[in-house]
Protein backbone atom coordinates (compact mmCIF):
# COMPACT_ATOMS: atom_id res chain seq x y z
CA UNK A 1 -2.44 113.28 21.31
CA UNK A 2 -6.11 112.51 20.73
CA UNK A 3 -8.37 115.52 21.12
CA UNK A 4 -11.71 115.21 22.88
CA UNK A 5 -13.78 115.66 19.73
CA UNK A 6 -11.98 112.70 18.14
CA UNK A 7 -12.65 110.53 21.19
CA UNK A 8 -16.30 111.62 21.30
CA UNK A 9 -16.73 110.66 17.65
CA UNK A 10 -15.31 107.19 18.32
CA UNK A 11 -17.56 106.78 21.37
CA UNK A 12 -20.59 107.83 19.31
CA UNK A 13 -19.83 105.31 16.55
CA UNK A 14 -19.22 102.54 19.08
CA UNK A 15 -22.42 103.38 20.93
CA UNK A 16 -24.41 103.09 17.72
CA UNK A 17 -22.60 99.95 16.58
CA UNK A 18 -21.29 101.56 13.37
CA UNK A 19 -18.10 99.94 11.99
CA UNK A 20 -15.28 102.41 11.38
CA UNK A 21 -11.64 102.62 10.40
CA UNK A 22 -9.00 104.92 11.87
CA UNK A 23 -6.15 105.93 9.54
CA UNK A 24 -3.03 107.36 11.23
CA UNK A 25 0.11 108.79 9.67
CA UNK A 26 2.85 106.94 11.55
CA UNK A 27 5.95 107.80 9.51
CA UNK A 28 6.97 110.33 6.86
CA UNK A 29 9.87 111.60 4.79
CA UNK A 30 10.00 114.78 2.75
CA UNK A 31 7.04 117.03 2.04
CA UNK A 32 3.61 115.69 3.06
CA UNK A 33 0.20 117.44 3.41
CA UNK A 34 -0.18 116.70 7.14
CA UNK A 35 1.96 115.79 10.17
CA UNK A 36 2.99 112.50 11.71
CA UNK A 37 0.22 111.52 14.13
CA UNK A 38 -2.59 113.01 12.04
CA UNK A 39 -5.69 110.82 12.13
CA UNK A 40 -8.95 110.43 10.28
CA UNK A 41 -12.01 108.29 11.00
CA UNK A 42 -13.82 106.66 8.07
CA UNK A 43 -17.11 104.77 7.98
CA UNK A 44 -18.61 102.99 4.99
CA UNK A 45 -20.21 106.33 4.09
CA UNK A 46 -16.87 108.16 3.97
CA UNK A 47 -14.91 110.57 6.15
CA UNK A 48 -16.50 110.97 9.60
CA UNK A 49 -13.91 113.02 11.47
CA UNK A 50 -10.37 114.37 11.28
CA UNK A 51 -8.03 114.51 8.28
CA UNK A 52 -4.80 112.97 7.02
CA UNK A 53 -4.26 115.75 4.51
CA UNK A 54 -7.25 115.98 2.22
CA UNK A 55 -7.29 115.70 -1.56
CA UNK A 56 -5.97 112.61 -3.33
CA UNK A 57 -4.35 111.20 -0.20
CA UNK A 58 -7.55 111.32 1.80
CA UNK A 59 -9.54 109.88 -1.10
CA UNK A 60 -7.04 107.01 -1.28
CA UNK A 61 -7.38 106.41 2.46
CA UNK A 62 -11.16 106.50 2.20
CA UNK A 63 -11.06 103.87 -0.56
CA UNK A 64 -8.71 101.69 1.50
CA UNK A 65 -10.90 102.05 4.59
CA UNK A 66 -13.98 101.07 2.56
CA UNK A 67 -12.20 97.91 1.40
CA UNK A 68 -11.25 96.99 4.94
CA UNK A 69 -14.78 97.65 6.19
CA UNK A 70 -16.36 95.52 3.46
CA UNK A 71 -18.29 92.57 4.82
CA UNK A 72 -18.29 91.37 8.42
CA UNK A 73 -14.74 90.11 8.82
CA UNK A 74 -13.02 90.18 12.19
CA UNK A 75 -11.37 93.41 13.31
CA UNK A 76 -8.05 93.88 11.52
CA UNK A 77 -5.17 96.27 10.94
CA UNK A 78 -3.13 97.10 7.87
CA UNK A 79 -0.01 99.11 7.08
CA UNK A 80 0.44 101.05 3.82
CA UNK A 81 3.30 103.18 2.53
CA UNK A 82 2.83 105.70 -0.29
CA UNK A 83 5.19 107.75 -2.43
CA UNK A 84 2.93 110.76 -2.94
CA UNK A 85 4.28 111.63 -6.37
CA UNK A 86 4.80 108.18 -7.87
CA UNK A 87 1.84 106.35 -6.30
CA UNK A 88 -0.76 109.09 -6.01
CA UNK A 89 0.30 111.63 -8.63
CA UNK A 90 0.57 114.42 -6.07
CA UNK A 91 3.03 117.29 -6.40
CA UNK A 92 4.30 116.68 -2.87
CA UNK A 93 7.64 114.90 -3.14
CA UNK A 94 7.43 113.01 0.10
CA UNK A 95 6.60 109.54 1.33
CA UNK A 96 4.43 108.50 4.24
CA UNK A 97 3.24 105.42 6.04
CA UNK A 98 -0.31 104.92 7.29
CA UNK A 99 -1.66 102.51 9.86
CA UNK A 100 -5.30 101.44 9.37
CA UNK A 101 -7.28 100.09 12.33
CA UNK A 102 -10.72 98.59 11.76
CA UNK A 103 -13.31 98.39 14.54
CA UNK A 104 -16.49 96.36 14.35
CA UNK A 105 -18.11 96.44 17.74
CA UNK A 106 -21.41 94.76 18.34
CA UNK A 107 -24.20 97.07 19.35
CA UNK A 108 -23.93 97.82 23.06
CA UNK A 109 -26.90 97.03 25.28
CA UNK A 110 -28.14 100.56 25.85
CA UNK A 111 -30.75 101.37 28.48
CA UNK A 112 -32.27 104.82 28.82
CA UNK A 113 -34.21 105.61 31.99
CA UNK A 114 -36.45 108.65 32.28
CA UNK A 115 -36.74 109.60 35.93
CA UNK A 116 -34.14 109.34 38.69
CA UNK A 117 -36.49 108.72 41.61
CA UNK A 118 -36.43 106.04 44.30
CA UNK A 119 -36.82 103.00 42.03
CA UNK A 120 -34.36 104.37 39.47
CA UNK A 121 -31.77 104.93 42.20
CA UNK A 122 -31.74 101.23 43.05
CA UNK A 123 -32.26 100.08 39.45
CA UNK A 124 -29.20 101.97 38.26
CA UNK A 125 -27.09 100.36 40.98
CA UNK A 126 -28.13 96.94 39.71
CA UNK A 127 -27.69 97.76 36.03
CA UNK A 128 -24.12 99.04 36.31
CA UNK A 129 -23.16 95.54 37.44
CA UNK A 130 -24.29 94.20 34.05
CA UNK A 131 -22.70 94.52 30.61
CA UNK A 132 -24.71 97.54 29.52
CA UNK A 133 -24.60 101.30 29.18
CA UNK A 134 -27.18 103.37 31.07
CA UNK A 135 -28.37 106.93 30.58
CA UNK A 136 -30.63 108.32 33.30
CA UNK A 137 -32.57 111.44 32.32
CA UNK A 138 -34.23 113.82 34.77
CA UNK A 139 -35.05 117.50 35.21
CA UNK A 140 -33.99 117.44 38.88
CA UNK A 141 -30.29 117.89 39.58
CA UNK A 142 -30.62 116.79 43.20
CA UNK A 143 -31.88 113.34 42.20
CA UNK A 144 -29.31 112.88 39.47
CA UNK A 145 -26.57 113.71 41.97
CA UNK A 146 -27.66 110.76 44.11
CA UNK A 147 -26.98 108.25 41.34
CA UNK A 148 -23.91 106.03 41.68
CA UNK A 149 -20.71 107.24 40.03
CA UNK A 150 -19.87 104.67 37.40
CA UNK A 151 -18.38 104.75 33.90
CA UNK A 152 -21.35 102.75 32.64
CA UNK A 153 -23.86 105.33 33.87
CA UNK A 154 -24.47 108.82 32.55
CA UNK A 155 -26.65 111.25 34.47
CA UNK A 156 -28.35 113.56 32.00
CA UNK A 157 -30.11 116.68 33.24
CA UNK A 158 -32.65 118.26 30.89
CA UNK A 159 -34.98 121.23 31.06
CA UNK A 160 -37.81 119.09 29.72
CA UNK A 161 -38.01 115.29 29.70
CA UNK A 162 -38.64 115.26 25.96
CA UNK A 163 -35.20 116.80 25.44
CA UNK A 164 -33.79 113.49 26.62
CA UNK A 165 -35.35 111.58 23.73
CA UNK A 166 -32.32 112.61 21.66
CA UNK A 167 -30.17 110.46 23.97
CA UNK A 168 -31.91 107.24 22.93
CA UNK A 169 -29.51 105.13 20.86
CA UNK A 170 -30.96 102.88 18.12
CA UNK A 171 -32.05 99.55 19.55
CA UNK A 172 -32.04 100.75 23.16
CA UNK A 173 -34.35 99.61 25.92
CA UNK A 174 -36.30 102.62 27.23
CA UNK A 175 -37.84 102.81 30.69
CA UNK A 176 -40.22 105.55 31.83
CA UNK A 177 -40.46 106.11 35.57
CA UNK A 178 -41.01 109.84 35.91
CA UNK A 179 -43.21 111.44 38.57
CA UNK A 180 -46.45 110.38 36.87
CA UNK A 181 -48.28 109.57 33.65
CA UNK A 182 -48.67 113.29 32.89
CA UNK A 183 -44.91 113.52 32.42
CA UNK A 184 -44.65 110.08 30.79
CA UNK A 185 -47.18 110.90 28.05
CA UNK A 186 -45.15 113.59 26.22
CA UNK A 187 -42.13 111.27 26.15
CA UNK A 188 -44.18 108.45 24.64
CA UNK A 189 -45.57 110.77 21.99
CA UNK A 190 -42.13 112.15 21.16
CA UNK A 191 -40.75 108.62 20.73
CA UNK A 192 -43.60 107.61 18.43
CA UNK A 193 -43.51 110.83 16.41
CA UNK A 194 -39.82 110.29 15.64
CA UNK A 195 -40.40 106.65 14.62
CA UNK A 196 -37.49 105.62 16.82
CA UNK A 197 -35.98 102.14 16.63
CA UNK A 198 -36.38 100.82 20.18
CA UNK A 199 -35.92 97.28 21.43
CA UNK A 200 -38.40 97.54 24.31
CA UNK A 201 -40.39 100.42 25.75
CA UNK A 202 -41.54 100.06 29.35
CA UNK A 203 -43.56 102.25 31.70
CA UNK A 204 -43.61 101.68 35.44
CA UNK A 205 -47.03 101.65 37.08
CA UNK A 206 -50.15 99.67 37.89
CA UNK A 207 -52.74 97.98 35.69
CA UNK A 208 -54.95 101.02 36.28
CA UNK A 209 -52.22 103.37 35.04
CA UNK A 210 -51.64 101.10 32.04
CA UNK A 211 -55.27 101.42 31.05
CA UNK A 212 -55.27 105.21 31.43
CA UNK A 213 -52.08 105.61 29.39
CA UNK A 214 -53.26 103.35 26.58
CA UNK A 215 -56.70 104.98 26.34
CA UNK A 216 -55.21 108.47 26.29
CA UNK A 217 -52.66 107.55 23.62
CA UNK A 218 -55.43 106.02 21.49
CA UNK A 219 -57.57 109.12 21.96
CA UNK A 220 -54.63 111.23 20.81
CA UNK A 221 -54.41 109.20 17.61
CA UNK A 222 -51.25 107.18 18.22
CA UNK A 223 -51.06 103.90 16.24
CA UNK A 224 -52.40 100.79 17.90
CA UNK A 225 -49.19 98.93 17.04
CA UNK A 226 -47.15 101.44 19.05
CA UNK A 227 -49.57 101.39 21.99
CA UNK A 228 -49.54 97.59 22.11
CA UNK A 229 -45.73 97.55 22.11
CA UNK A 230 -45.57 99.37 25.47
CA UNK A 231 -44.72 97.13 28.41
CA UNK A 232 -46.86 98.40 31.27
CA UNK A 233 -46.88 97.52 34.09
CA UNK A 234 -43.13 97.09 33.86
CA UNK A 235 -41.22 94.38 35.72
CA UNK A 236 -41.71 90.77 36.77
CA UNK A 237 -43.99 90.42 39.77
CA UNK A 238 -41.54 88.57 42.00
CA UNK A 239 -41.54 90.76 45.09
CA UNK A 240 -43.38 93.48 46.94
CA UNK A 241 -43.74 97.18 46.17
CA UNK A 242 -40.56 98.42 47.80
CA UNK A 243 -38.20 100.28 45.42
CA UNK A 244 -35.55 97.57 45.71
CA UNK A 245 -37.86 94.67 44.89
CA UNK A 246 -39.53 96.57 42.07
CA UNK A 247 -36.04 97.19 40.66
CA UNK A 248 -35.22 93.48 40.92
CA UNK A 249 -38.37 92.67 38.95
CA UNK A 250 -37.45 95.18 36.24
CA UNK A 251 -33.92 93.79 35.89
CA UNK A 252 -35.36 90.28 35.67
CA UNK A 253 -37.75 91.30 32.89
CA UNK A 254 -35.08 93.24 30.99
CA UNK A 255 -32.79 90.22 31.00
CA UNK A 256 -35.56 87.93 29.77
CA UNK A 257 -36.48 90.33 26.98
CA UNK A 258 -32.86 90.81 25.96
CA UNK A 259 -32.14 87.09 25.91
CA UNK A 260 -35.28 86.46 23.90
CA UNK A 261 -33.91 88.81 21.23
């Protein structure tokens, strides 16, 4: 049975688009250093989680996983059987069979929204209909509880908005729609200070707000390149200022930006 930590590790690797290989002991005879069903996750950097017994056996599995992960071939599986004494020089006198499963998932379209207010409520309902993963961050439990229940959407409550910056996956689209620019500013600074790899960074608001935000960031010494990368006002101007039509404009712009690469 897979434990939750194992599943969380797989989800984390898939979310970040990191290729990995799962090695599972599927058969055994005699003395072996683990049990049938033991699993380990390997990336190109080595063991990421779990164990199939450690020592020479695990080193052998790590080498095999690295071979399977080499290059950008299609996902594949492989079956290996080892006599621990004859093949690996171990004192254990047993034999075991391992099943290797390789996963190369393309980077998921991740969207992180700061603020769960009126526009975000509608926006999240649109986004979960698309092929993406959404994290909505807010300090207010009552607003997060109003979000739709969907496997593609995670409601993330934080004590401070900046705590949610850790939830930004590499290459994600990030949208700021908190209660005002005073709460948006610390998030922007935290993102820039960490030199995060973000596809697009958008801030909801008017042209007037855009000017205030950019001037304040410049006064605080943030790089011009970062300031110019901010999309503000956010959203295509294809409707009025109701939450629903603002959300439609944001979805439209996100799709255009994504498709433009």
